[in-house]
Amino acid sequence: MSVAIRPLSGAEVTAALDDLARLRIAVFAAWPYLYDGDREYEARYLAEYAAAPGAVLVAAFDGARIVGAATAAPMLHQKAEFRAPFEARGIDTASLFYFGESVLLPEYRGAGIGHAFFDHREDAARAAGAQTACFAAVIRSADHPARPAGYRPLDAFWQGRGYALIPGLVTQLAWKEHGAAQETPKPMQYWLKHLS
């Protein structure tokens, strides 16, 4: 398996948004997100993302096919619910770079692509002058009925990358789960890494 990983720019980003929507729906359908993907929501969300100044999209290609992608952008240009926990603590969001999704088809996992996604996004954050990189991960209870047997959270991977969970730094983001009639808010835990 030969996968090329590179950041996209300009018209390439717009051209890749349908692939990113497809990947988000496929990957986030599984635990722990259980996202009931909606193309209309994806179109709105991704249009907002693409319009954010300084936004970064890193794609993993198997030939011409995009099999994984990761996004990032200055926190200053993110939705109010993403910024709110930092603003409540008096943290200047202009110093933060927010890492959005990192989605990769299951058959491509375990080959270092996740590390490459973080490398590219951290490089972009430093180039933008950000002092801190951050992302939010959904909080699920250990006894949730949809939790698969043998599930291993990504905490050790993130810690190995130098990220730390910040207790109490939590936001809420709503989406529709499989079998649900409507969107409901989910708690999202922030992880941070100070960039050098």
C-alpha atoms as a PDB file:
ATOM      1  CA  MET A   1       0.000   0.000   0.000  1.00  0.00           C
ATOM      2  CA  SER A   2       1.463   3.314  -1.105  1.00  0.00           C
ATOM      3  CA  VAL A   3      -0.242   6.383   0.318  1.00  0.00           C
ATOM      4  CA  ALA A   4       0.793   9.968  -0.447  1.00  0.00           C
ATOM      5  CA  ILE A   5       0.009  12.575   2.202  1.00  0.00           C
ATOM      6  CA  ARG A   6       0.084  16.276   1.442  1.00  0.00           C
ATOM      7  CA  PRO A   7      -1.655  19.531   2.298  1.00  0.00           C
ATOM      8  CA  LEU A   8      -4.060  20.851  -0.302  1.00  0.00           C
ATOM      9  CA  SER A   9      -4.363  24.495  -1.269  1.00  0.00           C
ATOM     10  CA  GLY A  10      -6.528  26.835  -3.279  1.00  0.00           C
ATOM     11  CA  ALA A  11      -8.937  25.130  -5.673  1.00  0.00           C
ATOM     12  CA  GLU A  12      -7.724  21.710  -4.482  1.00  0.00           C
ATOM     13  CA  VAL A  13      -9.466  22.307  -1.130  1.00  0.00           C
ATOM     14  CA  THR A  14     -12.801  23.102  -2.758  1.00  0.00           C
ATOM     15  CA  ALA A  15     -12.448  20.106  -5.070  1.00  0.00           C
ATOM     16  CA  ALA A  16     -11.815  17.801  -2.083  1.00  0.00           C
ATOM     17  CA  LEU A  17     -14.814  18.875   0.040  1.00  0.00           C
ATOM     18  CA  ASP A  18     -17.134  16.180  -1.321  1.00  0.00           C
ATOM     19  CA  ASP A  19     -14.505  13.536  -0.498  1.00  0.00           C
ATOM     20  CA  LEU A  20     -14.100  15.002   2.985  1.00  0.00           C
ATOM     21  CA  ALA A  21     -17.877  14.899   3.520  1.00  0.00           C
ATOM     22  CA  ARG A  22     -17.954  11.258   2.399  1.00  0.00           C
ATOM     23  CA  LEU A  23     -15.102  10.362   4.761  1.00  0.00           C
ATOM     24  CA  ARG A  24     -16.640  12.215   7.704  1.00  0.00           C
ATOM     25  CA  ILE A  25     -19.945  10.389   7.245  1.00  0.00           C
ATOM     26  CA  ALA A  26     -18.236   6.983   6.910  1.00  0.00           C
ATOM     27  CA  VAL A  27     -15.715   7.301   9.740  1.00  0.00           C
ATOM     28  CA  PHE A  28     -17.863   9.191  12.247  1.00  0.00           C
ATOM     29  CA  ALA A  29     -20.694   6.642  11.841  1.00  0.00           C
ATOM     30  CA  ALA A  30     -18.647   4.346  14.082  1.00  0.00           C
ATOM     31  CA  TRP A  31     -17.927   4.578  17.811  1.00  0.00           C
ATOM     32  CA  PRO A  32     -17.428   6.919  19.574  1.00  0.00           C
ATOM     33  CA  TYR A  33     -19.239   9.487  17.400  1.00  0.00           C
ATOM     34  CA  LEU A  34     -22.148   7.363  16.097  1.00  0.00           C
ATOM     35  CA  TYR A  35     -22.893  10.191  13.653  1.00  0.00           C
ATOM     36  CA  ASP A  36     -25.910   9.786  11.378  1.00  0.00           C
ATOM     37  CA  GLY A  37     -24.364  11.599   8.431  1.00  0.00           C
ATOM     38  CA  ASP A  38     -26.330  14.207   6.571  1.00  0.00           C
ATOM     39  CA  ARG A  39     -25.088  15.612   3.251  1.00  0.00           C
ATOM     40  CA  GLU A  40     -26.907  18.909   3.803  1.00  0.00           C
ATOM     41  CA  TYR A  41     -25.245  19.428   7.189  1.00  0.00           C
ATOM     42  CA  GLU A  42     -21.894  18.431   5.700  1.00  0.00           C
ATOM     43  CA  ALA A  43     -22.259  20.978   2.895  1.00  0.00           C
ATOM     44  CA  ARG A  44     -22.939  23.799   5.397  1.00  0.00           C
ATOM     45  CA  TYR A  45     -20.208  22.734   7.820  1.00  0.00           C
ATOM     46  CA  LEU A  46     -17.561  22.310   5.140  1.00  0.00           C
ATOM     47  CA  ALA A  47     -18.460  25.575   3.394  1.00  0.00           C
ATOM     48  CA  GLU A  48     -17.858  27.373   6.714  1.00  0.00           C
ATOM     49  CA  TYR A  49     -14.584  25.525   7.150  1.00  0.00           C
ATOM     50  CA  ALA A  50     -13.351  26.320   3.631  1.00  0.00           C
ATOM     51  CA  ALA A  51     -14.155  30.017   4.138  1.00  0.00           C
ATOM     52  CA  ALA A  52     -12.088  30.284   7.351  1.00  0.00           C
ATOM     53  CA  PRO A  53      -8.893  32.296   6.775  1.00  0.00           C
ATOM     54  CA  GLY A  54      -5.823  30.115   7.301  1.00  0.00           C
ATOM     55  CA  ALA A  55      -7.737  26.823   7.037  1.00  0.00           C
ATOM     56  CA  VAL A  56      -5.640  23.730   6.270  1.00  0.00           C
ATOM     57  CA  LEU A  57      -6.727  20.457   4.668  1.00  0.00           C
ATOM     58  CA  VAL A  58      -4.281  17.554   4.606  1.00  0.00           C
ATOM     59  CA  ALA A  59      -5.267  14.607   2.421  1.00  0.00           C
ATOM     60  CA  ALA A  60      -4.070  11.015   2.167  1.00  0.00           C
ATOM     61  CA  PHE A  61      -4.209   9.648  -1.382  1.00  0.00           C
ATOM     62  CA  ASP A  62      -4.176   6.056  -2.555  1.00  0.00           C
ATOM     63  CA  GLY A  63      -3.583   6.814  -6.205  1.00  0.00           C
ATOM     64  CA  ALA A  64      -6.145   9.495  -7.080  1.00  0.00           C
ATOM     65  CA  ARG A  65      -8.560   8.427  -4.312  1.00  0.00           C
ATOM     66  CA  ILE A  66      -8.692  10.383  -1.036  1.00  0.00           C
ATOM     67  CA  VAL A  67      -8.752   7.782   1.766  1.00  0.00           C
ATOM     68  CA  GLY A  68      -8.147  10.103   4.692  1.00  0.00           C
ATOM     69  CA  ALA A  69      -8.121  13.771   5.582  1.00  0.00           C
ATOM     70  CA  ALA A  70      -7.417  16.115   8.464  1.00  0.00           C
ATOM     71  CA  THR A  71      -8.350  19.755   8.934  1.00  0.00           C
ATOM     72  CA  ALA A  72      -7.136  22.661  11.015  1.00  0.00           C
ATOM     73  CA  ALA A  73      -7.685  26.408  11.208  1.00  0.00           C
ATOM     74  CA  PRO A  74      -7.069  29.326  13.562  1.00  0.00           C
ATOM     75  CA  MET A  75      -9.402  29.071  16.577  1.00  0.00           C
ATOM     76  CA  LEU A  76     -10.274  32.736  16.149  1.00  0.00           C
ATOM     77  CA  HIS A  77     -12.346  31.770  13.075  1.00  0.00           C
ATOM     78  CA  GLN A  78     -14.157  28.799  14.636  1.00  0.00           C
ATOM     79  CA  LYS A  79     -17.770  28.628  15.829  1.00  0.00           C
ATOM     80  CA  ALA A  80     -18.621  30.360  19.114  1.00  0.00           C
ATOM     81  CA  GLU A  81     -19.150  27.010  20.886  1.00  0.00           C
ATOM     82  CA  PHE A  82     -15.574  25.982  20.066  1.00  0.00           C
ATOM     83  CA  ARG A  83     -14.130  29.265  21.363  1.00  0.00           C
ATOM     84  CA  ALA A  84     -16.353  29.668  24.434  1.00  0.00           C
ATOM     85  CA  PRO A  85     -14.495  27.390  26.911  1.00  0.00           C
ATOM     86  CA  PHE A  86     -11.232  29.231  26.230  1.00  0.00           C
ATOM     87  CA  GLU A  87     -12.797  32.690  26.385  1.00  0.00           C
ATOM     88  CA  ALA A  88     -14.451  31.777  29.699  1.00  0.00           C
ATOM     89  CA  ARG A  89     -10.959  31.087  31.090  1.00  0.00           C
ATOM     90  CA  GLY A  90      -9.504  34.295  29.656  1.00  0.00           C
ATOM     91  CA  ILE A  91      -7.411  32.436  27.056  1.00  0.00           C
ATOM     92  CA  ASP A  92      -6.745  34.461  23.911  1.00  0.00           C
ATOM     93  CA  THR A  93      -8.159  32.408  21.047  1.00  0.00           C
ATOM     94  CA  ALA A  94      -5.890  34.278  18.607  1.00  0.00           C
ATOM     95  CA  SER A  95      -3.006  32.196  20.014  1.00  0.00           C
ATOM     96  CA  LEU A  96      -4.753  28.849  19.321  1.00  0.00           C
ATOM     97  CA  PHE A  97      -4.901  26.639  16.232  1.00  0.00           C
ATOM     98  CA  TYR A  98      -7.863  24.272  16.222  1.00  0.00           C
ATOM     99  CA  PHE A  99      -7.498  20.775  14.764  1.00  0.00           C
ATOM    100  CA  GLY A 100     -10.841  19.594  13.418  1.00  0.00           C
ATOM    101  CA  GLU A 101     -11.457  16.143  12.094  1.00  0.00           C
ATOM    102  CA  SER A 102      -8.868  13.507  11.383  1.00  0.00           C
ATOM    103  CA  VAL A 103     -10.633  10.790   9.393  1.00  0.00           C
ATOM    104  CA  LEU A 104      -9.077   7.725   7.820  1.00  0.00           C
ATOM    105  CA  LEU A 105     -10.670   4.617   6.363  1.00  0.00           C
ATOM    106  CA  PRO A 106     -10.088   1.614   8.679  1.00  0.00           C
ATOM    107  CA  GLU A 107      -7.992  -0.408   6.222  1.00  0.00           C
ATOM    108  CA  TYR A 108      -5.376   2.391   6.133  1.00  0.00           C
ATOM    109  CA  ARG A 109      -4.909   2.731   9.891  1.00  0.00           C
ATOM    110  CA  GLY A 110      -1.738   1.748  11.731  1.00  0.00           C
ATOM    111  CA  ALA A 111       0.648   2.845   8.961  1.00  0.00           C
ATOM    112  CA  GLY A 112       1.704   6.233  10.396  1.00  0.00           C
ATOM    113  CA  ILE A 113      -0.828   8.342   8.490  1.00  0.00           C
ATOM    114  CA  GLY A 114      -2.299   9.756  11.723  1.00  0.00           C
ATOM    115  CA  HIS A 115       1.164  10.978  12.735  1.00  0.00           C
ATOM    116  CA  ALA A 116       1.616  12.597   9.322  1.00  0.00           C
ATOM    117  CA  PHE A 117      -1.725  14.374   9.731  1.00  0.00           C
ATOM    118  CA  PHE A 118      -0.562  15.816  13.055  1.00  0.00           C
ATOM    119  CA  ASP A 119       2.870  16.753  11.647  1.00  0.00           C
ATOM    120  CA  HIS A 120       1.351  18.732   8.773  1.00  0.00           C
ATOM    121  CA  ARG A 121      -1.200  20.491  10.967  1.00  0.00           C
ATOM    122  CA  GLU A 122       1.357  21.371  13.639  1.00  0.00           C
ATOM    123  CA  ASP A 123       3.631  22.799  10.918  1.00  0.00           C
ATOM    124  CA  ALA A 124       0.716  24.916   9.660  1.00  0.00           C
ATOM    125  CA  ALA A 125      -0.054  26.104  13.189  1.00  0.00           C
ATOM    126  CA  ARG A 126       3.561  27.163  13.760  1.00  0.00           C
ATOM    127  CA  ALA A 127       3.693  28.877  10.359  1.00  0.00           C
ATOM    128  CA  ALA A 128       0.582  30.844  11.359  1.00  0.00           C
ATOM    129  CA  GLY A 129       2.273  31.952  14.594  1.00  0.00           C
ATOM    130  CA  ALA A 130      -0.002  29.941  16.895  1.00  0.00           C
ATOM    131  CA  GLN A 131       1.322  29.185  20.368  1.00  0.00           C
ATOM    132  CA  THR A 132      -0.955  26.230  21.060  1.00  0.00           C
ATOM    133  CA  ALA A 133      -2.617  23.460  19.050  1.00  0.00           C
ATOM    134  CA  CYS A 134      -5.863  21.994  20.339  1.00  0.00           C
ATOM    135  CA  PHE A 135      -8.617  19.570  19.448  1.00  0.00           C
ATOM    136  CA  ALA A 136     -11.786  18.268  21.073  1.00  0.00           C
ATOM    137  CA  ALA A 137     -12.739  14.602  21.480  1.00  0.00           C
ATOM    138  CA  VAL A 138     -16.208  13.319  22.319  1.00  0.00           C
ATOM    139  CA  ILE A 139     -16.728  12.135  25.890  1.00  0.00           C
ATOM    140  CA  ARG A 140     -18.540   8.791  26.182  1.00  0.00           C
ATOM    141  CA  SER A 141     -19.203   6.732  29.287  1.00  0.00           C
ATOM    142  CA  ALA A 142     -17.301   3.475  29.664  1.00  0.00           C
ATOM    143  CA  ASP A 143     -20.594   1.582  30.009  1.00  0.00           C
ATOM    144  CA  HIS A 144     -22.283   3.102  26.944  1.00  0.00           C
ATOM    145  CA  PRO A 145     -24.295   0.307  25.254  1.00  0.00           C
ATOM    146  CA  ALA A 146     -22.826   1.064  21.809  1.00  0.00           C
ATOM    147  CA  ARG A 147     -19.202   0.821  22.986  1.00  0.00           C
ATOM    148  CA  PRO A 148     -17.565  -2.040  21.058  1.00  0.00           C
ATOM    149  CA  ALA A 149     -15.805  -4.816  22.946  1.00  0.00           C
ATOM    150  CA  GLY A 150     -12.060  -4.273  22.978  1.00  0.00           C
ATOM    151  CA  TYR A 151     -12.307  -0.595  22.017  1.00  0.00           C
ATOM    152  CA  ARG A 152      -9.033   1.266  22.631  1.00  0.00           C
ATOM    153  CA  PRO A 153      -9.319   5.043  22.966  1.00  0.00           C
ATOM    154  CA  LEU A 154      -6.711   7.225  21.255  1.00  0.00           C
ATOM    155  CA  ASP A 155      -5.537   8.854  24.496  1.00  0.00           C
ATOM    156  CA  ALA A 156      -2.120   7.122  24.432  1.00  0.00           C
ATOM    157  CA  PHE A 157      -1.552   8.213  20.826  1.00  0.00           C
ATOM    158  CA  TRP A 158      -2.423  11.828  21.635  1.00  0.00           C
ATOM    159  CA  GLN A 159      -0.260  11.816  24.774  1.00  0.00           C
ATOM    160  CA  GLY A 160       2.616  10.420  22.728  1.00  0.00           C
ATOM    161  CA  ARG A 161       2.220  13.405  20.405  1.00  0.00           C
ATOM    162  CA  GLY A 162       2.598  15.741  23.389  1.00  0.00           C
ATOM    163  CA  TYR A 163      -1.076  16.610  23.931  1.00  0.00           C
ATOM    164  CA  ALA A 164      -2.624  16.820  27.387  1.00  0.00           C
ATOM    165  CA  LEU A 165      -6.258  16.611  28.427  1.00  0.00           C
ATOM    166  CA  ILE A 166      -7.214  19.804  30.262  1.00  0.00           C
ATOM    167  CA  PRO A 167      -9.753  18.944  32.995  1.00  0.00           C
ATOM    168  CA  GLY A 168     -12.885  21.054  32.788  1.00  0.00           C
ATOM    169  CA  LEU A 169     -12.050  22.467  29.358  1.00  0.00           C
ATOM    170  CA  VAL A 170     -15.135  21.064  27.650  1.00  0.00           C
ATOM    171  CA  THR A 171     -17.467  22.307  24.942  1.00  0.00           C
ATOM    172  CA  GLN A 172     -20.785  21.018  23.634  1.00  0.00           C
ATOM    173  CA  LEU A 173     -21.434  20.130  20.009  1.00  0.00           C
ATOM    174  CA  ALA A 174     -24.726  18.791  18.669  1.00  0.00           C
ATOM    175  CA  TRP A 175     -25.189  16.107  16.048  1.00  0.00           C
ATOM    176  CA  LYS A 176     -27.710  13.415  15.206  1.00  0.00           C
ATOM    177  CA  GLU A 177     -26.854   9.857  16.183  1.00  0.00           C
ATOM    178  CA  HIS A 178     -28.058   6.723  14.422  1.00  0.00           C
ATOM    179  CA  GLY A 179     -31.641   5.998  15.417  1.00  0.00           C
ATOM    180  CA  ALA A 180     -32.204   9.452  16.956  1.00  0.00           C
ATOM    181  CA  ALA A 181     -34.976  11.773  15.821  1.00  0.00           C
ATOM    182  CA  GLN A 182     -32.918  14.955  16.180  1.00  0.00           C
ATOM    183  CA  GLU A 183     -29.555  16.415  17.093  1.00  0.00           C
ATOM    184  CA  THR A 184     -28.526  16.398  20.751  1.00  0.00           C
ATOM    185  CA  PRO A 185     -25.528  18.111  22.352  1.00  0.00           C
ATOM    186  CA  LYS A 186     -22.497  15.962  23.217  1.00  0.00           C
ATOM    187  CA  PRO A 187     -19.670  16.950  25.572  1.00  0.00           C
ATOM    188  CA  MET A 188     -16.309  17.392  23.838  1.00  0.00           C
ATOM    189  CA  GLN A 189     -13.081  17.332  25.875  1.00  0.00           C
ATOM    190  CA  TYR A 190     -10.224  19.622  24.794  1.00  0.00           C
ATOM    191  CA  TRP A 191      -6.629  18.445  24.489  1.00  0.00           C
ATOM    192  CA  LEU A 192      -3.794  20.986  24.116  1.00  0.00           C
ATOM    193  CA  LYS A 193      -0.171  21.065  23.092  1.00  0.00           C
ATOM    194  CA  HIS A 194       2.094  24.082  23.458  1.00  0.00           C
ATOM    195  CA  LEU A 195       4.092  24.537  20.272  1.00  0.00           C
ATOM    196  CA  SER A 196       7.758  25.494  20.319  1.00  0.00           C
END
